Protein backbone atom coordinates (compact mmCIF):
# COMPACT_ATOMS: atom_id res chain seq x y z
CA UNK A 1 -43.77 -110.34 80.11
CA UNK A 2 -45.44 -111.20 83.44
CA UNK A 3 -43.36 -113.08 86.02
CA UNK A 4 -44.21 -115.44 88.86
CA UNK A 5 -41.92 -117.23 91.25
CA UNK A 6 -43.09 -120.65 92.42
CA UNK A 7 -41.58 -121.39 95.80
CA UNK A 8 -41.12 -118.93 98.65
CA UNK A 9 -37.89 -120.27 100.05
CA UNK A 10 -34.89 -118.00 100.42
CA UNK A 11 -33.81 -118.08 96.77
CA UNK A 12 -37.30 -117.76 95.30
CA UNK A 13 -38.05 -114.83 97.58
CA UNK A 14 -34.77 -113.16 96.69
CA UNK A 15 -35.47 -113.42 92.96
CA UNK A 16 -38.99 -112.05 93.45
CA UNK A 17 -37.62 -109.12 95.45
CA UNK A 18 -34.96 -108.30 92.87
CA UNK A 19 -37.41 -108.27 89.96
CA UNK A 20 -40.17 -106.44 91.83
CA UNK A 21 -37.75 -103.63 92.70
CA UNK A 22 -37.67 -102.75 88.99
CA UNK A 23 -41.33 -101.75 89.28
CA UNK A 24 -42.71 -104.83 87.53
CA UNK A 25 -45.62 -106.75 89.00
CA UNK A 26 -44.29 -110.03 90.37
CA UNK A 27 -46.22 -112.83 92.06
CA UNK A 28 -44.64 -115.09 94.67
CA UNK A 29 -46.42 -118.39 95.27
CA UNK A 30 -46.10 -120.58 98.37
CA UNK A 31 -47.93 -123.82 99.04
CA UNK A 32 -48.45 -123.13 102.76
CA UNK A 33 -51.40 -120.78 103.32
CA UNK A 34 -50.22 -119.85 106.81
CA UNK A 35 -46.85 -118.83 105.44
CA UNK A 36 -48.57 -116.70 102.81
CA UNK A 37 -50.76 -115.05 105.45
CA UNK A 38 -47.69 -114.23 107.55
CA UNK A 39 -45.88 -112.68 104.55
CA UNK A 40 -48.91 -110.63 103.62
CA UNK A 41 -49.20 -109.29 107.15
CA UNK A 42 -45.53 -108.45 107.69
CA UNK A 43 -44.72 -107.66 104.02
CA UNK A 44 -41.54 -109.70 104.31
CA UNK A 45 -40.52 -113.36 104.41
CA UNK A 46 -39.52 -113.45 108.05
CA UNK A 47 -38.89 -117.20 107.96
CA UNK A 48 -36.41 -117.10 105.06
CA UNK A 49 -35.22 -113.53 104.35
CA UNK A 50 -35.91 -111.56 107.54
CA UNK A 51 -35.62 -107.81 107.57
CA UNK A 52 -36.08 -107.24 103.83
CA UNK A 53 -39.34 -105.47 103.02
CA UNK A 54 -41.48 -106.47 100.03
CA UNK A 55 -42.00 -103.80 97.34
CA UNK A 56 -45.63 -102.78 96.80
CA UNK A 57 -45.72 -104.52 93.41
CA UNK A 58 -44.84 -107.92 94.89
CA UNK A 59 -47.96 -110.04 95.43
CA UNK A 60 -47.98 -113.19 97.55
CA UNK A 61 -50.48 -116.01 97.05
CA UNK A 62 -51.20 -119.65 97.82
CA UNK A 63 -53.54 -119.92 94.81
CA UNK A 64 -51.65 -121.33 91.84
CA UNK A 65 -54.28 -119.98 89.43
CA UNK A 66 -53.52 -116.45 90.65
CA UNK A 67 -49.81 -117.05 90.10
CA UNK A 68 -49.93 -118.02 86.43
CA UNK A 69 -47.74 -115.79 84.27
CA UNK A 70 -45.86 -115.63 80.97
CA UNK A 71 -42.70 -116.74 82.75
CA UNK A 72 -42.72 -119.09 85.72
CA UNK A 73 -39.58 -119.34 87.85
CA UNK A 74 -39.54 -122.71 89.63
CA UNK A 75 -37.60 -122.07 92.84
CA UNK A 76 -38.15 -125.44 94.50
CA UNK A 77 -35.58 -128.07 95.55
CA UNK A 78 -34.40 -130.35 92.77
CA UNK A 79 -35.79 -133.49 94.37
CA UNK A 80 -39.26 -131.90 94.65
CA UNK A 81 -39.54 -130.46 91.14
CA UNK A 82 -41.12 -133.52 89.54
CA UNK A 83 -43.83 -133.69 92.21
CA UNK A 84 -44.59 -130.00 91.67
CA UNK A 85 -44.91 -130.39 87.90
CA UNK A 86 -47.03 -133.53 88.05
CA UNK A 87 -49.34 -132.16 90.74
CA UNK A 88 -49.79 -128.73 89.12
CA UNK A 89 -51.28 -129.15 85.64
CA UNK A 90 -51.81 -125.38 85.46
CA UNK A 91 -48.10 -125.07 84.64
CA UNK A 92 -48.34 -127.23 81.52
CA UNK A 93 -47.13 -125.73 78.25
CA UNK A 94 -45.60 -122.61 79.81
CA UNK A 95 -42.15 -121.04 79.85
CA UNK A 96 -40.66 -122.73 82.92
CA UNK A 97 -37.33 -121.59 84.34
CA UNK A 98 -35.73 -123.97 86.82
CA UNK A 99 -33.98 -122.11 89.65
CA UNK A 100 -32.47 -125.12 91.39
CA UNK A 101 -29.27 -127.11 91.12
CA UNK A 102 -28.92 -130.85 91.22
CA UNK A 103 -29.55 -134.22 89.62
CA UNK A 104 -32.74 -136.16 90.31
CA UNK A 105 -31.88 -139.22 92.36
CA UNK A 106 -34.30 -141.68 90.76
CA UNK A 107 -33.83 -140.71 87.09
CA UNK A 108 -30.35 -139.12 87.07
CA UNK A 109 -31.83 -136.17 85.14
CA UNK A 110 -31.10 -132.47 85.61
CA UNK A 111 -33.73 -129.71 86.05
CA UNK A 112 -34.25 -128.95 82.34
CA UNK A 113 -34.53 -132.64 81.49
CA UNK A 114 -37.06 -133.17 84.29
CA UNK A 115 -39.22 -130.34 82.93
CA UNK A 116 -39.09 -131.88 79.45
CA UNK A 117 -39.92 -135.30 80.86
CA UNK A 118 -42.94 -134.06 82.82
CA UNK A 119 -44.23 -131.51 80.32
CA UNK A 120 -43.12 -131.99 76.68
CA UNK A 121 -45.09 -128.88 75.63
CA UNK A 122 -43.26 -126.57 78.04
CA UNK A 123 -40.35 -124.33 77.08
CA UNK A 124 -37.71 -125.26 79.68
CA UNK A 125 -34.86 -123.07 80.85
CA UNK A 126 -32.53 -122.85 83.81
CA UNK A 127 -31.22 -119.86 85.80
CA UNK A 128 -28.04 -120.76 87.65
CA UNK A 129 -24.67 -119.47 88.74
CA UNK A 130 -22.75 -118.16 91.77
CA UNK A 131 -25.39 -116.61 93.98
CA UNK A 132 -26.55 -116.53 97.56
CA UNK A 133 -30.15 -115.60 98.30
CA UNK A 134 -29.13 -113.12 100.99
CA UNK A 135 -26.92 -111.19 98.54
CA UNK A 136 -29.63 -110.96 95.87
CA UNK A 137 -32.28 -109.98 98.43
CA UNK A 138 -30.07 -107.16 99.75
CA UNK A 139 -29.55 -105.82 96.23
CA UNK A 140 -25.88 -106.78 96.01
CA UNK A 141 -24.47 -107.28 92.49
CA UNK A 142 -24.80 -110.84 91.19
CA UNK A 143 -24.23 -112.45 87.78
CA UNK A 144 -26.09 -115.56 86.62
CA UNK A 145 -26.31 -117.83 83.59
CA UNK A 146 -29.60 -118.30 81.79
CA UNK A 147 -29.69 -121.41 79.60
CA UNK A 148 -32.45 -122.09 77.07
CA UNK A 149 -32.15 -124.08 73.86
CA UNK A 150 -33.96 -121.48 71.68
CA UNK A 151 -31.77 -118.38 71.64
CA UNK A 152 -34.68 -116.17 70.54
CA UNK A 153 -36.49 -117.13 73.73
CA UNK A 154 -33.23 -116.68 75.61
CA UNK A 155 -32.77 -113.09 74.42
CA UNK A 156 -36.29 -112.09 75.44
CA UNK A 157 -35.99 -113.86 78.78
CA UNK A 158 -32.60 -112.30 79.43
CA UNK A 159 -34.12 -108.83 79.11
CA UNK A 160 -37.15 -109.75 81.19
CA UNK A 161 -35.25 -111.22 84.13
CA UNK A 162 -32.43 -108.68 84.34
CA UNK A 163 -32.38 -106.18 87.18
CA UNK A 164 -29.96 -103.44 88.30
CA UNK A 165 -28.21 -105.84 90.68
CA UNK A 166 -28.75 -108.95 88.55
CA UNK A 167 -26.63 -109.31 85.41
CA UNK A 168 -27.66 -112.29 83.29
CA UNK A 169 -25.59 -113.99 80.62
CA UNK A 170 -27.27 -116.45 78.27
CA UNK A 171 -26.33 -119.71 76.58
CA UNK A 172 -28.09 -122.42 74.60
CA UNK A 173 -26.08 -125.12 76.40
CA UNK A 174 -28.68 -126.30 78.89
CA UNK A 175 -26.76 -129.51 79.62
CA UNK A 176 -23.61 -127.64 80.62
CA UNK A 177 -25.51 -125.11 82.72
CA UNK A 178 -27.50 -127.66 84.68
CA UNK A 179 -24.51 -129.96 85.22
CA UNK A 180 -22.20 -127.16 86.34
CA UNK A 181 -24.64 -126.11 89.03
CA UNK A 182 -25.20 -129.69 90.15
CA UNK A 183 -21.68 -131.07 90.15
CA UNK A 184 -20.09 -128.15 91.99
CA UNK A 185 -22.26 -128.96 95.03
CA UNK A 186 -20.57 -132.36 95.30
CA UNK A 187 -17.13 -130.74 95.22
CA UNK A 188 -18.28 -128.19 97.82
CA UNK A 189 -19.13 -131.00 100.23
CA UNK A 190 -15.65 -132.44 99.70
CA UNK A 191 -14.04 -129.03 100.32
CA UNK A 192 -16.07 -128.48 103.46
CA UNK A 193 -15.06 -131.89 104.77
CA UNK A 194 -11.43 -131.06 104.07
CA UNK A 195 -11.54 -127.82 106.06
CA UNK A 196 -13.68 -129.40 108.77
CA UNK A 197 -11.08 -132.12 109.26
CA UNK A 198 -8.31 -129.53 109.53
CA UNK A 199 -6.49 -130.59 106.37
CA UNK A 200 -5.79 -127.02 105.28
CA UNK A 201 -6.31 -124.53 102.49
CA UNK A 202 -3.81 -126.20 100.15
CA UNK A 203 -5.81 -129.42 100.26
CA UNK A 204 -8.99 -127.48 99.51
CA UNK A 205 -7.35 -125.80 96.50
CA UNK A 206 -6.29 -129.20 95.19
CA UNK A 207 -9.80 -130.59 95.62
CA UNK A 208 -11.37 -127.61 93.87
CA UNK A 209 -8.99 -127.98 90.93
CA UNK A 210 -9.34 -131.74 90.56
CA UNK A 211 -13.06 -131.43 91.24
CA UNK A 212 -13.35 -129.00 88.36
CA UNK A 213 -11.58 -131.52 86.11
CA UNK A 214 -14.08 -134.14 87.29
CA UNK A 215 -16.97 -131.80 86.47
CA UNK A 216 -15.59 -131.20 82.97
CA UNK A 217 -15.09 -134.91 82.41
CA UNK A 218 -18.68 -135.83 83.12
CA UNK A 219 -20.26 -132.78 81.50
CA UNK A 220 -18.41 -133.27 78.21
CA UNK A 221 -19.30 -136.96 78.19
CA UNK A 222 -22.95 -135.90 78.37
CA UNK A 223 -22.63 -133.38 75.53
CA UNK A 224 -21.92 -130.11 77.34
CA UNK A 225 -19.60 -127.47 75.92
CA UNK A 226 -16.32 -126.93 77.85
CA UNK A 227 -16.74 -123.15 77.79
CA UNK A 228 -20.02 -123.42 79.68
CA UNK A 229 -18.30 -125.15 82.59
CA UNK A 230 -15.60 -122.45 82.47
CA UNK A 231 -18.26 -119.77 82.99
CA UNK A 232 -20.54 -118.66 85.79
CA UNK A 233 -22.57 -121.86 86.00
CA UNK A 234 -19.46 -124.00 86.44
CA UNK A 235 -16.20 -122.44 87.57
CA UNK A 236 -17.91 -119.34 89.00
CA UNK A 237 -20.36 -121.30 91.12
CA UNK A 238 -17.65 -123.76 92.15
CA UNK A 239 -15.50 -120.93 93.48
CA UNK A 240 -18.30 -119.42 95.56
CA UNK A 241 -19.71 -122.65 96.95
CA UNK A 242 -16.36 -124.17 97.92
CA UNK A 243 -15.10 -121.14 99.82
CA UNK A 244 -18.04 -119.55 101.63
CA UNK A 245 -19.68 -120.65 104.90
CA UNK A 246 -22.97 -119.34 103.47
CA UNK A 247 -23.09 -122.46 101.28
CA UNK A 248 -25.25 -125.22 102.75
CA UNK A 249 -23.28 -127.87 100.86
CA UNK A 250 -20.01 -126.51 102.23
CA UNK A 251 -21.48 -126.36 105.74
CA UNK A 252 -22.68 -129.95 105.39
CA UNK A 253 -19.15 -130.94 104.38
CA UNK A 254 -17.73 -129.11 107.39
CA UNK A 255 -19.97 -131.18 109.66
CA UNK A 256 -18.81 -134.40 107.99
CA UNK A 257 -15.17 -133.43 108.42
CA UNK A 258 -15.68 -132.53 112.08
CA UNK A 259 -17.84 -135.56 112.80
CA UNK A 260 -20.77 -133.37 113.86
CA UNK A 261 -24.47 -133.90 113.27
CA UNK A 262 -26.14 -131.72 110.63
CA UNK A 263 -29.68 -130.32 110.80
CA UNK A 264 -31.80 -132.70 108.67
CA UNK A 265 -34.31 -129.91 108.00
CA UNK A 266 -31.74 -128.03 105.88
CA UNK A 267 -31.85 -128.95 102.18
CA UNK A 268 -28.44 -130.11 100.92
CA UNK A 269 -28.83 -130.65 97.19
CA UNK A 270 -25.32 -132.03 96.83
CA UNK A 271 -26.03 -135.11 98.95
CA UNK A 272 -28.68 -136.57 96.63
CA UNK A 273 -26.79 -135.28 93.59
CA UNK A 274 -23.62 -137.11 94.63
CA UNK A 275 -25.47 -140.43 94.71
CA UNK A 276 -27.18 -139.76 91.37
CA UNK A 277 -23.91 -138.68 89.74
CA UNK A 278 -22.08 -141.71 91.08
CA UNK A 279 -24.73 -144.01 89.59
CA UNK A 280 -24.66 -142.31 86.20
CA UNK A 281 -20.87 -142.21 86.09
CA UNK A 282 -20.80 -145.92 86.83
CA UNK A 283 -23.21 -146.62 83.96
CA UNK A 284 -21.04 -144.56 81.59
CA UNK A 285 -17.66 -145.73 82.96
CA UNK A 286 -16.58 -142.17 83.89
CA UNK A 287 -13.86 -141.83 86.53
CA UNK A 288 -15.27 -139.72 89.43
CA UNK A 289 -13.02 -140.33 92.47
CA UNK A 290 -14.06 -137.21 94.42
CA UNK A 291 -17.75 -137.99 93.94
CA UNK A 292 -17.13 -141.56 95.12
CA UNK A 293 -15.35 -140.28 98.22
CA UNK A 294 -18.19 -137.86 99.01
CA UNK A 295 -20.79 -140.62 98.75
CA UNK A 296 -18.67 -142.76 101.08
CA UNK A 297 -18.55 -139.93 103.62
CA UNK A 298 -22.28 -139.21 103.39
CA UNK A 299 -23.17 -142.88 103.82
CA UNK A 300 -20.73 -143.17 106.75
CA UNK A 301 -18.83 -145.91 104.91
CA UNK A 302 -15.64 -143.85 104.86
CA UNK A 303 -13.89 -141.76 107.46
CA UNK A 304 -12.28 -138.55 106.29
CA UNK A 305 -8.82 -140.11 106.73
CA UNK A 306 -9.87 -143.07 104.57
CA UNK A 307 -11.23 -140.74 101.88
CA UNK A 308 -7.99 -138.76 101.79
CA UNK A 309 -5.92 -141.92 101.61
CA UNK A 310 -8.12 -143.23 98.80
CA UNK A 311 -7.58 -140.06 96.76
CA UNK A 312 -3.86 -139.71 97.47
CA UNK A 313 -3.10 -143.35 96.71
CA UNK A 314 -4.39 -143.15 93.15
CA UNK A 315 -1.74 -143.85 90.49
CA UNK A 316 0.28 -140.81 89.34
CA UNK A 317 -1.02 -139.24 86.12
CA UNK A 318 -0.61 -136.23 83.87
CA UNK A 319 -2.72 -133.19 84.70
C-alpha cells in the first residue's frame, strides 16, 4: 500500500519520517515550491523539524499528481481541510486519513465528516491521539488511534501505518475519535490559562477532570462510545496536551492567563474549535461551562478572574 502525506508541517513531516524509516517509499507533498526545493536540497525540513535527516526513500514534491497514493494522509490544519479537498480533485474517491484535530467553525463538523461532505466517494479515516511531532520525528515511542468505519479497511490500514516507534490501535468509532482530539484542545487552553494566571496545579487537575466530563457529555450526545473517549484519542490526548509546554493550545492558554500577546502565525486549533463547540452545544442544549469560559477568554470578554468565578459559582452538584 503506497503512502503519501499531504502537508509538510511539523506533524506531516514527522509521520512521513516515521513511515519512511521502515524502508517504504513515502511521498511528502507541500504546496510551496520554494519550501519543497529547500527540503530537497538539505534533505530535511529545516523550517519545521530541523536537524532530522530524511531517509533516502522519502520523496518531496509540490506536484499533487506525483503524490497520489493508495493511502493519503491529510496533515493540514482543520480549518484548511475543506479548501484542500475542494481545490484538489485528484484526491477524490481515495482512502483519506485526516491527521488533524478540531471542529470546522462554519459547519461544526469534525475531520471525518468534512471529508464525507466534500467527497462522498472517499473512504474517510482519522489518525489521532497523544503525540507531538518532535517525538515522532526523533523516533520516540508513540501510540495513536486510527478510526475508520469499515473495520476491514481499518485492519489493513493499521498494518500499513504502523512503525517501530508508532503503535496504532484501531476503532470504528470515528465520531468519538474526532471529538476526543478536538475537545481536549479546548480544555488544554483552559489549563494553560489556569497555570498562566498562577492558580496552581490543583486547579489544573480539577479543570482536566471536569473538562473530561464535559468532553464525554458532548461526545455521547453526538453518538460516540464512552470507551473511545477513555482511550488514546480522548483521555490520553487530554493528559498530554494539558500538561506539556510543547502543546500550542496549552501555550496559548498560558498567554491568556498571563495577559501576554500570542504569535498569530502559530496555528491554535482549539481557538476555532471552542467557538464551533460552543455553537453546537447551544443548538443541542448541552452544558459546556469550561468551553464557554474559554471562548470568553479568547474573545477578551472575560478576565481570568471572572472565568474562575463563573465556574466556581455554579450550583453544587453530584460528580
